[in-house]
Amino acid sequence: MNERFKHFLLKEALVMNEFEKDVQSKRHDLFDAGFGFIFSFLFFMIIFFIGVIFDAIN
């Protein structure tokens, strides 16, 4: 590697993105993804069982 490229990499490593300095939520994204999956699964399961109940009534 040449010196100019090394200097560029070092400079980029030290400069933070402005959004990384003040994050809105420090929670891990895995928790949010898990909650989204569970709630959407429960929602569609409820809709399905409502359809099954109406089909059984008729």
Protein backbone atom coordinates (compact mmCIF):
# COMPACT_ATOMS: atom_id res chain seq x y z
CA MET A 1 0.00 0.00 0.00
CA ASN A 2 1.21 3.43 -0.71
CA GLU A 3 1.40 6.16 1.92
CA ARG A 4 -1.39 8.24 0.40
CA PHE A 5 -3.87 5.36 0.64
CA LYS A 6 -2.80 4.57 4.23
CA HIS A 7 -3.33 8.22 5.18
CA PHE A 8 -6.79 8.16 3.56
CA LEU A 9 -7.80 4.99 5.45
CA LEU A 10 -6.56 6.38 8.77
CA LYS A 11 -8.36 9.68 8.19
CA GLU A 12 -11.63 7.90 7.31
CA ALA A 13 -11.35 5.66 10.38
CA LEU A 14 -11.06 8.66 12.71
CA VAL A 15 -13.97 10.64 11.23
CA MET A 16 -17.37 9.58 12.56
CA ASN A 17 -20.62 9.92 10.73
CA GLU A 18 -22.72 12.75 12.22
CA PHE A 19 -25.61 10.34 12.84
CA GLU A 20 -23.38 7.98 14.82
CA LYS A 21 -22.65 10.69 17.39
CA ASP A 22 -26.26 11.19 18.49
CA VAL A 23 -28.24 8.01 18.00
CA GLN A 24 -31.96 8.00 18.77
CA SER A 25 -32.15 4.47 20.13
CA LYS A 26 -29.34 2.47 21.68
CA ARG A 27 -31.30 -0.80 21.57
CA HIS A 28 -30.14 -3.62 19.37
CA ASP A 29 -32.03 -4.02 16.08
CA LEU A 30 -32.55 -7.72 16.77
CA PHE A 31 -35.12 -6.94 19.47
CA ASP A 32 -37.11 -4.64 17.20
CA ALA A 33 -37.02 -7.19 14.38
CA GLY A 34 -38.19 -9.93 16.76
CA PHE A 35 -41.07 -7.85 18.08
CA GLY A 36 -42.11 -6.93 14.54
CA PHE A 37 -42.09 -10.58 13.51
CA ILE A 38 -44.06 -11.73 16.55
CA PHE A 39 -46.70 -9.00 16.32
CA SER A 40 -47.23 -9.43 12.58
CA PHE A 41 -47.44 -13.22 13.03
CA LEU A 42 -50.04 -12.82 15.79
CA PHE A 43 -52.02 -10.33 13.70
CA PHE A 44 -52.26 -12.67 10.70
CA MET A 45 -52.99 -15.64 12.97
CA ILE A 46 -55.93 -13.75 14.51
CA ILE A 47 -57.24 -12.81 11.05
CA PHE A 48 -56.93 -16.45 9.94
CA PHE A 49 -58.81 -17.77 12.96
CA ILE A 50 -61.56 -15.20 12.52
CA GLY A 51 -61.98 -16.54 8.97
CA VAL A 52 -61.98 -20.14 10.25
CA ILE A 53 -64.63 -19.33 12.85
CA PHE A 54 -66.88 -17.61 10.28
CA ASP A 55 -66.41 -20.56 7.93
CA ALA A 56 -67.35 -23.01 10.67
CA ILE A 57 -70.47 -20.99 11.54
CA ASN A 58 -71.75 -21.02 7.96
